[in-house]
Amino acid sequence: MSRPCREFGCPNIVKSRNQHGYCETHADKRSNWNKRADRKGSTTERGYGHAWRKIRELVLKRDGYQCVTCATLGRVTLATDVDHIKAKAHGGTDDLNNLQSLCSLHHKEKTAIEQLNAK
């Protein structure tokens, strides 16, 4: 089945499903997640299998399903992510004291800052 590329304003047609709706020109631009060195292997191989999902639920419940960063700013925001305060890549663990509930925005912001500081 052919369909237009999902990239805004792109006139190209997508013929393959494994490009996630983007033409060949934009598929490479959109696939940085899979090219990151720390994203090799399945979620279970990276330590995010069944045991992680159980820990994640414990942390979300502990934090009342609210973003802890938003809470410090006086806002109530649903937490969608569980974050390692000290990243696993830098020696952090899955200990409950090293985990916090964050909204997607604050999780992305924290991850971006960590990546900048790692360079």
PDB file of N, CA and C in Angstrom:
ATOM      1  N   MET A   1       0.841  -1.168   0.000  1.00  0.00           N
ATOM      2  CA  MET A   1       0.000   0.000   0.000  1.00  0.00           C
ATOM      3  C   MET A   1       0.900   1.250   0.000  1.00  0.00           C
ATOM      4  N   SER A   2       0.619   2.200  -0.835  1.00  0.00           N
ATOM      5  CA  SER A   2       1.366   3.451  -0.917  1.00  0.00           C
ATOM      6  C   SER A   2       0.631   4.550  -0.175  1.00  0.00           C
ATOM      7  N   ARG A   3       1.413   5.436   0.445  1.00  0.00           N
ATOM      8  CA  ARG A   3       0.817   6.575   1.146  1.00  0.00           C
ATOM      9  C   ARG A   3       1.826   7.717   1.178  1.00  0.00           C
ATOM     10  N   PRO A   4       1.385   8.939   1.465  1.00  0.00           N
ATOM     11  CA  PRO A   4       2.305  10.072   1.507  1.00  0.00           C
ATOM     12  C   PRO A   4       3.247   9.964   2.710  1.00  0.00           C
ATOM     13  N   CYS A   5       4.411  10.536   2.573  1.00  0.00           N
ATOM     14  CA  CYS A   5       5.385  10.596   3.668  1.00  0.00           C
ATOM     15  C   CYS A   5       4.802  11.410   4.822  1.00  0.00           C
ATOM     16  N   ARG A   6       5.089  10.994   6.070  1.00  0.00           N
ATOM     17  CA  ARG A   6       4.573  11.684   7.256  1.00  0.00           C
ATOM     18  C   ARG A   6       5.303  13.005   7.540  1.00  0.00           C
ATOM     19  N   GLU A   7       6.437  13.249   6.893  1.00  0.00           N
ATOM     20  CA  GLU A   7       7.175  14.495   7.093  1.00  0.00           C
ATOM     21  C   GLU A   7       6.368  15.649   6.494  1.00  0.00           C
ATOM     22  N   PHE A   8       6.162  16.696   7.292  1.00  0.00           N
ATOM     23  CA  PHE A   8       5.347  17.820   6.844  1.00  0.00           C
ATOM     24  C   PHE A   8       5.891  18.408   5.547  1.00  0.00           C
ATOM     25  N   GLY A   9       5.036  18.526   4.565  1.00  0.00           N
ATOM     26  CA  GLY A   9       5.386  19.157   3.295  1.00  0.00           C
ATOM     27  C   GLY A   9       6.130  18.269   2.311  1.00  0.00           C
ATOM     28  N   CYS A  10       6.420  17.031   2.672  1.00  0.00           N
ATOM     29  CA  CYS A  10       7.155  16.136   1.772  1.00  0.00           C
ATOM     30  C   CYS A  10       6.198  15.551   0.732  1.00  0.00           C
ATOM     31  N   PRO A  11       6.548  15.663  -0.562  1.00  0.00           N
ATOM     32  CA  PRO A  11       5.663  15.156  -1.611  1.00  0.00           C
ATOM     33  C   PRO A  11       5.905  13.676  -1.942  1.00  0.00           C
ATOM     34  N   ASN A  12       6.879  13.027  -1.291  1.00  0.00           N
ATOM     35  CA  ASN A  12       7.245  11.647  -1.624  1.00  0.00           C
ATOM     36  C   ASN A  12       6.189  10.647  -1.161  1.00  0.00           C
ATOM     37  N   ILE A  13       6.181   9.508  -1.834  1.00  0.00           N
ATOM     38  CA  ILE A  13       5.269   8.416  -1.513  1.00  0.00           C
ATOM     39  C   ILE A  13       6.055   7.317  -0.800  1.00  0.00           C
ATOM     40  N   VAL A  14       5.460   6.763   0.250  1.00  0.00           N
ATOM     41  CA  VAL A  14       6.080   5.679   1.014  1.00  0.00           C
ATOM     42  C   VAL A  14       5.490   4.364   0.537  1.00  0.00           C
ATOM     43  N   LYS A  15       6.366   3.422   0.179  1.00  0.00           N
ATOM     44  CA  LYS A  15       5.900   2.126  -0.311  1.00  0.00           C
ATOM     45  C   LYS A  15       6.195   1.008   0.680  1.00  0.00           C
ATOM     46  N   SER A  16       7.091   1.238   1.620  1.00  0.00           N
ATOM     47  CA  SER A  16       7.490   0.200   2.560  1.00  0.00           C
ATOM     48  C   SER A  16       6.984   0.519   3.955  1.00  0.00           C
ATOM     49  N   ARG A  17       6.495  -0.504   4.672  1.00  0.00           N
ATOM     50  CA  ARG A  17       5.981  -0.300   6.030  1.00  0.00           C
ATOM     51  C   ARG A  17       7.098  -0.153   7.049  1.00  0.00           C
ATOM     52  N   ASN A  18       8.275  -0.695   6.798  1.00  0.00           N
ATOM     53  CA  ASN A  18       9.342  -0.664   7.778  1.00  0.00           C
ATOM     54  C   ASN A  18      10.050   0.693   7.868  1.00  0.00           C
ATOM     55  N   GLN A  19       9.519   1.722   7.243  1.00  0.00           N
ATOM     56  CA  GLN A  19      10.053   3.072   7.374  1.00  0.00           C
ATOM     57  C   GLN A  19       9.154   3.917   8.272  1.00  0.00           C
ATOM     58  N   HIS A  20       8.177   3.292   8.905  1.00  0.00           N
ATOM     59  CA  HIS A  20       7.282   3.941   9.865  1.00  0.00           C
ATOM     60  C   HIS A  20       6.561   5.158   9.299  1.00  0.00           C
ATOM     61  N   GLY A  21       6.237   5.099   8.009  1.00  0.00           N
ATOM     62  CA  GLY A  21       5.453   6.154   7.395  1.00  0.00           C
ATOM     63  C   GLY A  21       6.267   7.275   6.776  1.00  0.00           C
ATOM     64  N   TYR A  22       7.608   7.149   6.780  1.00  0.00           N
ATOM     65  CA  TYR A  22       8.468   8.178   6.194  1.00  0.00           C
ATOM     66  C   TYR A  22       9.124   7.649   4.922  1.00  0.00           C
ATOM     67  N   CYS A  23       9.344   8.543   3.965  1.00  0.00           N
ATOM     68  CA  CYS A  23      10.026   8.166   2.734  1.00  0.00           C
ATOM     69  C   CYS A  23      11.499   7.875   3.053  1.00  0.00           C
ATOM     70  N   GLU A  24      12.255   7.380   2.079  1.00  0.00           N
ATOM     71  CA  GLU A  24      13.663   7.040   2.310  1.00  0.00           C
ATOM     72  C   GLU A  24      14.470   8.250   2.765  1.00  0.00           C
ATOM     73  N   THR A  25      14.152   9.419   2.261  1.00  0.00           N
ATOM     74  CA  THR A  25      14.872  10.632   2.642  1.00  0.00           C
ATOM     75  C   THR A  25      14.691  10.941   4.114  1.00  0.00           C
ATOM     76  N   HIS A  26      13.468  10.804   4.621  1.00  0.00           N
ATOM     77  CA  HIS A  26      13.176  11.186   6.003  1.00  0.00           C
ATOM     78  C   HIS A  26      13.270  10.033   6.991  1.00  0.00           C
ATOM     79  N   ALA A  27      13.260   8.787   6.509  1.00  0.00           N
ATOM     80  CA  ALA A  27      13.342   7.637   7.409  1.00  0.00           C
ATOM     81  C   ALA A  27      14.664   7.635   8.168  1.00  0.00           C
ATOM     82  N   ASP A  28      15.761   7.967   7.509  1.00  0.00           N
ATOM     83  CA  ASP A  28      17.064   8.005   8.181  1.00  0.00           C
ATOM     84  C   ASP A  28      17.095   9.082   9.245  1.00  0.00           C
ATOM     85  N   LYS A  29      16.511  10.211   8.944  1.00  0.00           N
ATOM     86  CA  LYS A  29      16.480  11.336   9.891  1.00  0.00           C
ATOM     87  C   LYS A  29      15.685  10.974  11.134  1.00  0.00           C
ATOM     88  N   ARG A  30      14.676  10.134  10.998  1.00  0.00           N
ATOM     89  CA  ARG A  30      13.784   9.778  12.098  1.00  0.00           C
ATOM     90  C   ARG A  30      14.250   8.569  12.891  1.00  0.00           C
ATOM     91  N   SER A  31      15.311   7.917  12.491  1.00  0.00           N
ATOM     92  CA  SER A  31      15.672   6.655  13.132  1.00  0.00           C
ATOM     93  C   SER A  31      16.891   6.769  14.044  1.00  0.00           C
ATOM     94  N   ASN A  32      17.172   7.938  14.587  1.00  0.00           N
ATOM     95  CA  ASN A  32      18.326   8.113  15.466  1.00  0.00           C
ATOM     96  C   ASN A  32      18.241   7.252  16.711  1.00  0.00           C
ATOM     97  N   TRP A  33      17.053   6.977  17.211  1.00  0.00           N
ATOM     98  CA  TRP A  33      16.885   6.185  18.432  1.00  0.00           C
ATOM     99  C   TRP A  33      17.585   4.839  18.293  1.00  0.00           C
ATOM    100  N   ASN A  34      17.376   4.167  17.151  1.00  0.00           N
ATOM    101  CA  ASN A  34      17.962   2.850  16.951  1.00  0.00           C
ATOM    102  C   ASN A  34      19.458   2.904  16.694  1.00  0.00           C
ATOM    103  N   LYS A  35      19.997   4.051  16.331  1.00  0.00           N
ATOM    104  CA  LYS A  35      21.412   4.160  16.033  1.00  0.00           C
ATOM    105  C   LYS A  35      22.256   4.492  17.257  1.00  0.00           C
ATOM    106  N   ARG A  36      21.612   4.832  18.373  1.00  0.00           N
ATOM    107  CA  ARG A  36      22.359   5.145  19.586  1.00  0.00           C
ATOM    108  C   ARG A  36      23.027   3.892  20.114  1.00  0.00           C
ATOM    109  N   ALA A  37      24.275   4.008  20.515  1.00  0.00           N
ATOM    110  CA  ALA A  37      25.039   2.860  20.997  1.00  0.00           C
ATOM    111  C   ALA A  37      24.395   2.208  22.214  1.00  0.00           C
ATOM    112  N   ASP A  38      23.760   2.999  23.066  1.00  0.00           N
ATOM    113  CA  ASP A  38      23.157   2.447  24.278  1.00  0.00           C
ATOM    114  C   ASP A  38      21.772   1.855  24.024  1.00  0.00           C
ATOM    115  N   ARG A  39      21.340   1.757  22.784  1.00  0.00           N
ATOM    116  CA  ARG A  39      20.027   1.212  22.465  1.00  0.00           C
ATOM    117  C   ARG A  39      20.131  -0.125  21.735  1.00  0.00           C
ATOM    118  N   LYS A  40      21.263  -0.799  21.827  1.00  0.00           N
ATOM    119  CA  LYS A  40      21.428  -2.098  21.176  1.00  0.00           C
ATOM    120  C   LYS A  40      20.699  -3.162  21.976  1.00  0.00           C
ATOM    121  N   GLY A  41      20.040  -4.078  21.301  1.00  0.00           N
ATOM    122  CA  GLY A  41      19.357  -5.176  21.954  1.00  0.00           C
ATOM    123  C   GLY A  41      17.919  -4.845  22.292  1.00  0.00           C
ATOM    124  N   SER A  42      17.222  -5.871  22.737  1.00  0.00           N
ATOM    125  CA  SER A  42      15.812  -5.721  23.098  1.00  0.00           C
ATOM    126  C   SER A  42      15.686  -5.009  24.438  1.00  0.00           C
ATOM    127  N   THR A  43      14.464  -4.644  24.791  1.00  0.00           N
ATOM    128  CA  THR A  43      14.261  -3.989  26.086  1.00  0.00           C
ATOM    129  C   THR A  43      14.697  -4.901  27.220  1.00  0.00           C
ATOM    130  N   THR A  44      14.437  -6.188  27.108  1.00  0.00           N
ATOM    131  CA  THR A  44      14.848  -7.130  28.155  1.00  0.00           C
ATOM    132  C   THR A  44      16.368  -7.215  28.234  1.00  0.00           C
ATOM    133  N   GLU A  45      17.044  -7.254  27.096  1.00  0.00           N
ATOM    134  CA  GLU A  45      18.509  -7.308  27.077  1.00  0.00           C
ATOM    135  C   GLU A  45      19.125  -6.048  27.679  1.00  0.00           C
ATOM    136  N   ARG A  46      18.415  -4.918  27.578  1.00  0.00           N
ATOM    137  CA  ARG A  46      18.924  -3.661  28.140  1.00  0.00           C
ATOM    138  C   ARG A  46      18.516  -3.475  29.600  1.00  0.00           C
ATOM    139  N   GLY A  47      17.803  -4.453  30.173  1.00  0.00           N
ATOM    140  CA  GLY A  47      17.431  -4.383  31.576  1.00  0.00           C
ATOM    141  C   GLY A  47      16.051  -3.798  31.834  1.00  0.00           C
ATOM    142  N   TYR A  48      15.187  -3.771  30.831  1.00  0.00           N
ATOM    143  CA  TYR A  48      13.856  -3.195  30.986  1.00  0.00           C
ATOM    144  C   TYR A  48      12.763  -4.219  30.682  1.00  0.00           C
ATOM    145  N   GLY A  49      12.913  -5.415  31.217  1.00  0.00           N
ATOM    146  CA  GLY A  49      11.934  -6.485  31.026  1.00  0.00           C
ATOM    147  C   GLY A  49      10.877  -6.474  32.120  1.00  0.00           C
ATOM    148  N   HIS A  50      10.407  -7.665  32.455  1.00  0.00           N
ATOM    149  CA  HIS A  50       9.318  -7.816  33.429  1.00  0.00           C
ATOM    150  C   HIS A  50       9.688  -7.238  34.795  1.00  0.00           C
ATOM    151  N   ALA A  51      10.903  -7.521  35.262  1.00  0.00           N
ATOM    152  CA  ALA A  51      11.324  -7.014  36.579  1.00  0.00           C
ATOM    153  C   ALA A  51      11.286  -5.489  36.603  1.00  0.00           C
ATOM    154  N   TRP A  52      11.734  -4.847  35.513  1.00  0.00           N
ATOM    155  CA  TRP A  52      11.715  -3.384  35.446  1.00  0.00           C
ATOM    156  C   TRP A  52      10.285  -2.861  35.483  1.00  0.00           C
ATOM    157  N   ARG A  53       9.388  -3.505  34.763  1.00  0.00           N
ATOM    158  CA  ARG A  53       7.999  -3.037  34.734  1.00  0.00           C
ATOM    159  C   ARG A  53       7.372  -3.084  36.125  1.00  0.00           C
ATOM    160  N   LYS A  54       7.740  -4.077  36.929  1.00  0.00           N
ATOM    161  CA  LYS A  54       7.244  -4.154  38.301  1.00  0.00           C
ATOM    162  C   LYS A  54       7.820  -3.014  39.150  1.00  0.00           C
ATOM    163  N   ILE A  55       9.115  -2.763  39.013  1.00  0.00           N
ATOM    164  CA  ILE A  55       9.759  -1.654  39.748  1.00  0.00           C
ATOM    165  C   ILE A  55       9.149  -0.329  39.324  1.00  0.00           C
ATOM    166  N   ARG A  56       8.949  -0.165  38.014  1.00  0.00           N
ATOM    167  CA  ARG A  56       8.383   1.071  37.464  1.00  0.00           C
ATOM    168  C   ARG A  56       7.034   1.373  38.103  1.00  0.00           C
ATOM    169  N   GLU A  57       6.198   0.359  38.197  1.00  0.00           N
ATOM    170  CA  GLU A  57       4.877   0.543  38.789  1.00  0.00           C
ATOM    171  C   GLU A  57       4.987   0.938  40.265  1.00  0.00           C
ATOM    172  N   LEU A  58       5.922   0.338  40.992  1.00  0.00           N
ATOM    173  CA  LEU A  58       6.149   0.705  42.399  1.00  0.00           C
ATOM    174  C   LEU A  58       6.521   2.181  42.540  1.00  0.00           C
ATOM    175  N   VAL A  59       7.407   2.651  41.658  1.00  0.00           N
ATOM    176  CA  VAL A  59       7.860   4.048  41.717  1.00  0.00           C
ATOM    177  C   VAL A  59       6.712   4.991  41.377  1.00  0.00           C
ATOM    178  N   LEU A  60       5.947   4.671  40.344  1.00  0.00           N
ATOM    179  CA  LEU A  60       4.815   5.521  39.983  1.00  0.00           C
ATOM    180  C   LEU A  60       3.815   5.609  41.138  1.00  0.00           C
ATOM    181  N   LYS A  61       3.513   4.471  41.761  1.00  0.00           N
ATOM    182  CA  LYS A  61       2.600   4.478  42.907  1.00  0.00           C
ATOM    183  C   LYS A  61       3.179   5.295  44.057  1.00  0.00           C
ATOM    184  N   ARG A  62       4.466   5.091  44.362  1.00  0.00           N
ATOM    185  CA  ARG A  62       5.123   5.818  45.444  1.00  0.00           C
ATOM    186  C   ARG A  62       5.010   7.333  45.252  1.00  0.00           C
ATOM    187  N   ASP A  63       5.181   7.774  44.006  1.00  0.00           N
ATOM    188  CA  ASP A  63       5.153   9.206  43.696  1.00  0.00           C
ATOM    189  C   ASP A  63       3.752   9.705  43.355  1.00  0.00           C
ATOM    190  N   GLY A  64       2.750   8.887  43.597  1.00  0.00           N
ATOM    191  CA  GLY A  64       1.368   9.297  43.353  1.00  0.00           C
ATOM    192  C   GLY A  64       1.054   9.548  41.892  1.00  0.00           C
ATOM    193  N   TYR A  65       1.794   8.883  41.002  1.00  0.00           N
ATOM    194  CA  TYR A  65       1.618   9.035  39.557  1.00  0.00           C
ATOM    195  C   TYR A  65       1.784  10.487  39.098  1.00  0.00           C
ATOM    196  N   GLN A  66       2.550  11.263  39.863  1.00  0.00           N
ATOM    197  CA  GLN A  66       2.774  12.675  39.548  1.00  0.00           C
ATOM    198  C   GLN A  66       4.244  12.911  39.232  1.00  0.00           C
ATOM    199  N   CYS A  67       4.520  13.838  38.328  1.00  0.00           N
ATOM    200  CA  CYS A  67       5.886  14.237  37.992  1.00  0.00           C
ATOM    201  C   CYS A  67       6.490  14.949  39.201  1.00  0.00           C
ATOM    202  N   VAL A  68       7.630  14.443  39.694  1.00  0.00           N
ATOM    203  CA  VAL A  68       8.233  15.040  40.880  1.00  0.00           C
ATOM    204  C   VAL A  68       8.813  16.423  40.584  1.00  0.00           C
ATOM    205  N   THR A  69       9.277  16.655  39.367  1.00  0.00           N
ATOM    206  CA  THR A  69       9.801  17.978  39.010  1.00  0.00           C
ATOM    207  C   THR A  69       8.680  18.998  38.950  1.00  0.00           C
ATOM    208  N   CYS A  70       7.571  18.644  38.324  1.00  0.00           N
ATOM    209  CA  CYS A  70       6.418  19.555  38.287  1.00  0.00           C
ATOM    210  C   CYS A  70       5.919  19.843  39.699  1.00  0.00           C
ATOM    211  N   ALA A  71       5.924  18.821  40.554  1.00  0.00           N
ATOM    212  CA  ALA A  71       5.457  19.004  41.936  1.00  0.00           C
ATOM    213  C   ALA A  71       6.302  20.036  42.667  1.00  0.00           C
ATOM    214  N   THR A  72       7.614  20.051  42.428  1.00  0.00           N
ATOM    215  CA  THR A  72       8.473  21.054  43.086  1.00  0.00           C
ATOM    216  C   THR A  72       8.183  22.459  42.575  1.00  0.00           C
ATOM    217  N   LEU A  73       7.569  22.543  41.386  1.00  0.00           N
ATOM    218  CA  LEU A  73       7.200  23.836  40.806  1.00  0.00           C
ATOM    219  C   LEU A  73       5.756  24.210  41.128  1.00  0.00           C
ATOM    220  N   GLY A  74       5.102  23.386  41.946  1.00  0.00           N
ATOM    221  CA  GLY A  74       3.728  23.669  42.339  1.00  0.00           C
ATOM    222  C   GLY A  74       2.683  23.261  41.330  1.00  0.00           C
ATOM    223  N   ARG A  75       3.064  22.394  40.389  1.00  0.00           N
ATOM    224  CA  ARG A  75       2.132  21.929  39.366  1.00  0.00           C
ATOM    225  C   ARG A  75       1.797  20.462  39.582  1.00  0.00           C
ATOM    226  N   VAL A  76       0.624  20.062  39.164  1.00  0.00           N
ATOM    227  CA  VAL A  76       0.217  18.661  39.212  1.00  0.00           C
ATOM    228  C   VAL A  76       0.189  18.159  37.774  1.00  0.00           C
ATOM    229  N   THR A  77       1.111  17.226  37.455  1.00  0.00           N
ATOM    230  CA  THR A  77       1.213  16.686  36.108  1.00  0.00           C
ATOM    231  C   THR A  77       1.357  15.177  36.190  1.00  0.00           C
ATOM    232  N   LEU A  78       0.635  14.464  35.361  1.00  0.00           N
ATOM    233  CA  LEU A  78       0.710  13.015  35.318  1.00  0.00           C
ATOM    234  C   LEU A  78       2.110  12.565  34.912  1.00  0.00           C
ATOM    235  N   ALA A  79       2.693  11.658  35.684  1.00  0.00           N
ATOM    236  CA  ALA A  79       3.997  11.093  35.342  1.00  0.00           C
ATOM    237  C   ALA A  79       3.792   9.972  34.327  1.00  0.00           C
ATOM    238  N   THR A  80       4.560  10.022  33.252  1.00  0.00           N
ATOM    239  CA  THR A  80       4.476   8.996  32.224  1.00  0.00           C
ATOM    240  C   THR A  80       5.730   8.139  32.182  1.00  0.00           C
ATOM    241  N   ASP A  81       6.806   8.614  32.790  1.00  0.00           N
ATOM    242  CA  ASP A  81       8.106   7.948  32.717  1.00  0.00           C
ATOM    243  C   ASP A  81       8.681   7.751  34.112  1.00  0.00           C
ATOM    244  N   VAL A  82       9.509   6.722  34.247  1.00  0.00           N
ATOM    245  CA  VAL A  82      10.294   6.539  35.463  1.00  0.00           C
ATOM    246  C   VAL A  82      11.748   6.701  35.057  1.00  0.00           C
ATOM    247  N   ASP A  83      12.429   7.609  35.728  1.00  0.00           N
ATOM    248  CA  ASP A  83      13.779   8.026  35.373  1.00  0.00           C
ATOM    249  C   ASP A  83      14.788   7.567  36.414  1.00  0.00           C
ATOM    250  N   HIS A  84      15.981   7.191  35.934  1.00  0.00           N
ATOM    251  CA  HIS A  84      17.100   6.920  36.830  1.00  0.00           C
ATOM    252  C   HIS A  84      17.749   8.264  37.161  1.00  0.00           C
ATOM    253  N   ILE A  85      17.759   8.642  38.418  1.00  0.00           N
ATOM    254  CA  ILE A  85      18.362   9.913  38.831  1.00  0.00           C
ATOM    255  C   ILE A  85      19.829   9.920  38.410  1.00  0.00           C
ATOM    256  N   LYS A  86      20.563   8.877  38.755  1.00  0.00           N
ATOM    257  CA  LYS A  86      21.905   8.664  38.226  1.00  0.00           C
ATOM    258  C   LYS A  86      21.757   7.605  37.150  1.00  0.00           C
ATOM    259  N   ALA A  87      22.014   7.967  35.913  1.00  0.00           N
ATOM    260  CA  ALA A  87      21.781   7.084  34.766  1.00  0.00           C
ATOM    261  C   ALA A  87      22.504   5.751  34.912  1.00  0.00           C
ATOM    262  N   LYS A  88      21.896   4.697  34.413  1.00  0.00           N
ATOM    263  CA  LYS A  88      22.518   3.382  34.444  1.00  0.00           C
ATOM    264  C   LYS A  88      23.853   3.394  33.705  1.00  0.00           C
ATOM    265  N   ALA A  89      23.934   4.183  32.652  1.00  0.00           N
ATOM    266  CA  ALA A  89      25.166   4.278  31.876  1.00  0.00           C
ATOM    267  C   ALA A  89      26.311   4.885  32.693  1.00  0.00           C
ATOM    268  N   HIS A  90      25.978   5.567  33.771  1.00  0.00           N
ATOM    269  CA  HIS A  90      26.985   6.207  34.630  1.00  0.00           C
ATOM    270  C   HIS A  90      27.064   5.533  35.989  1.00  0.00           C
ATOM    271  N   GLY A  91      26.625   4.281  36.069  1.00  0.00           N
ATOM    272  CA  GLY A  91      26.739   3.523  37.304  1.00  0.00           C
ATOM    273  C   GLY A  91      25.505   3.515  38.180  1.00  0.00           C
ATOM    274  N   GLY A  92      24.420   4.124  37.712  1.00  0.00           N
ATOM    275  CA  GLY A  92      23.180   4.123  38.476  1.00  0.00           C
ATOM    276  C   GLY A  92      22.554   2.735  38.508  1.00  0.00           C
ATOM    277  N   THR A  93      21.698   2.518  39.480  1.00  0.00           N
ATOM    278  CA  THR A  93      21.056   1.218  39.640  1.00  0.00           C
ATOM    279  C   THR A  93      19.537   1.373  39.592  1.00  0.00           C
ATOM    280  N   ASP A  94      18.862   0.231  39.683  1.00  0.00           N
ATOM    281  CA  ASP A  94      17.403   0.224  39.729  1.00  0.00           C
ATOM    282  C   ASP A  94      16.887   0.319  41.164  1.00  0.00           C
ATOM    283  N   ASP A  95      17.746   0.722  42.098  1.00  0.00           N
ATOM    284  CA  ASP A  95      17.322   0.909  43.481  1.00  0.00           C
ATOM    285  C   ASP A  95      16.238   1.989  43.535  1.00  0.00           C
ATOM    286  N   LEU A  96      15.221   1.781  44.342  1.00  0.00           N
ATOM    287  CA  LEU A  96      14.102   2.723  44.413  1.00  0.00           C
ATOM    288  C   LEU A  96      14.551   4.137  44.756  1.00  0.00           C
ATOM    289  N   ASN A  97      15.640   4.280  45.505  1.00  0.00           N
ATOM    290  CA  ASN A  97      16.150   5.617  45.852  1.00  0.00           C
ATOM    291  C   ASN A  97      16.774   6.324  44.657  1.00  0.00           C
ATOM    292  N   ASN A  98      17.059   5.586  43.577  1.00  0.00           N
ATOM    293  CA  ASN A  98      17.648   6.169  42.385  1.00  0.00           C
ATOM    294  C   ASN A  98      16.618   6.370  41.272  1.00  0.00           C
ATOM    295  N   LEU A  99      15.349   6.220  41.597  1.00  0.00           N
ATOM    296  CA  LEU A  99      14.300   6.331  40.587  1.00  0.00           C
ATOM    297  C   LEU A  99      13.299   7.409  40.958  1.00  0.00           C
ATOM    298  N   GLN A 100      12.791   8.098  39.925  1.00  0.00           N
ATOM    299  CA  GLN A 100      11.795   9.144  40.136  1.00  0.00           C
ATOM    300  C   GLN A 100      10.796   9.138  38.996  1.00  0.00           C
ATOM    301  N   SER A 101       9.580   9.552  39.292  1.00  0.00           N
ATOM    302  CA  SER A 101       8.519   9.651  38.291  1.00  0.00           C
ATOM    303  C   SER A 101       8.590  11.031  37.645  1.00  0.00           C
ATOM    304  N   LEU A 102       8.564  11.060  36.316  1.00  0.00           N
ATOM    305  CA  LEU A 102       8.626  12.325  35.580  1.00  0.00           C
ATOM    306  C   LEU A 102       7.583  12.338  34.468  1.00  0.00           C
ATOM    307  N   CYS A 103       7.164  13.537  34.091  1.00  0.00           N
ATOM    308  CA  CYS A 103       6.350  13.687  32.888  1.00  0.00           C
ATOM    309  C   CYS A 103       7.303  13.548  31.692  1.00  0.00           C
ATOM    310  N   SER A 104       6.753  13.320  30.536  1.00  0.00           N
ATOM    311  CA  SER A 104       7.570  13.119  29.339  1.00  0.00           C
ATOM    312  C   SER A 104       8.471  14.330  29.066  1.00  0.00           C
ATOM    313  N   LEU A 105       7.937  15.523  29.228  1.00  0.00           N
ATOM    314  CA  LEU A 105       8.711  16.739  28.971  1.00  0.00           C
ATOM    315  C   LEU A 105       9.942  16.823  29.863  1.00  0.00           C
ATOM    316  N   HIS A 106       9.771  16.621  31.163  1.00  0.00           N
ATOM    317  CA  HIS A 106      10.912  16.715  32.073  1.00  0.00           C
ATOM    318  C   HIS A 106      11.890  15.559  31.887  1.00  0.00           C
ATOM    319  N   HIS A 107      11.400  14.382  31.498  1.00  0.00           N
ATOM    320  CA  HIS A 107      12.299  13.261  31.245  1.00  0.00           C
ATOM    321  C   HIS A 107      13.168  13.546  30.019  1.00  0.00           C
ATOM    322  N   LYS A 108      12.553  14.050  28.959  1.00  0.00           N
ATOM    323  CA  LYS A 108      13.313  14.393  27.752  1.00  0.00           C
ATOM    324  C   LYS A 108      14.317  15.502  28.041  1.00  0.00           C
ATOM    325  N   GLU A 109      13.905  16.488  28.810  1.00  0.00           N
ATOM    326  CA  GLU A 109      14.786  17.601  29.161  1.00  0.00           C
ATOM    327  C   GLU A 109      15.994  17.096  29.961  1.00  0.00           C
ATOM    328  N   LYS A 110      15.762  16.255  30.956  1.00  0.00           N
ATOM    329  CA  LYS A 110      16.838  15.724  31.785  1.00  0.00           C
ATOM    330  C   LYS A 110      17.793  14.868  30.947  1.00  0.00           C
ATOM    331  N   THR A 111      17.245  14.029  30.069  1.00  0.00           N
ATOM    332  CA  THR A 111      18.064  13.180  29.211  1.00  0.00           C
ATOM    333  C   THR A 111      18.924  14.020  28.274  1.00  0.00           C
ATOM    334  N   ALA A 112      18.350  15.078  27.702  1.00  0.00           N
ATOM    335  CA  ALA A 112      19.105  15.950  26.799  1.00  0.00           C
ATOM    336  C   ALA A 112      20.260  16.626  27.536  1.00  0.00           C
ATOM    337  N   ILE A 113      20.016  17.084  28.744  1.00  0.00           N
ATOM    338  CA  ILE A 113      21.074  17.725  29.546  1.00  0.00           C
ATOM    339  C   ILE A 113      22.173  16.721  29.856  1.00  0.00           C
ATOM    340  N   GLU A 114      21.801  15.490  30.207  1.00  0.00           N
ATOM    341  CA  GLU A 114      22.789  14.455  30.497  1.00  0.00           C
ATOM    342  C   GLU A 114      23.642  14.153  29.263  1.00  0.00           C
ATOM    343  N   GLN A 115      23.022  14.123  28.098  1.00  0.00           N
ATOM    344  CA  GLN A 115      23.773  13.846  26.868  1.00  0.00           C
ATOM    345  C   GLN A 115      24.728  14.982  26.540  1.00  0.00           C
ATOM    346  N   LEU A 116      24.316  16.223  26.784  1.00  0.00           N
ATOM    347  CA  LEU A 116      25.208  17.366  26.562  1.00  0.00           C
ATOM    348  C   LEU A 116      26.397  17.334  27.525  1.00  0.00           C
ATOM    349  N   ASN A 117      26.125  16.993  28.773  1.00  0.00           N
ATOM    350  CA  ASN A 117      27.191  16.947  29.776  1.00  0.00           C
ATOM    351  C   ASN A 117      28.153  15.795  29.542  1.00  0.00           C
ATOM    352  N   ALA A 118      27.705  14.751  28.853  1.00  0.00           N
ATOM    353  CA  ALA A 118      28.559  13.586  28.598  1.00  0.00           C
ATOM    354  C   ALA A 118      29.570  13.862  27.493  1.00  0.00           C
ATOM    355  N   LYS A 119      29.316  14.869  26.699  1.00  0.00           N
ATOM    356  CA  LYS A 119      30.213  15.163  25.561  1.00  0.00           C
ATOM    357  C   LYS A 119      31.448  15.899  25.981  1.00  0.00           C
TER     358      LYS A 119
END
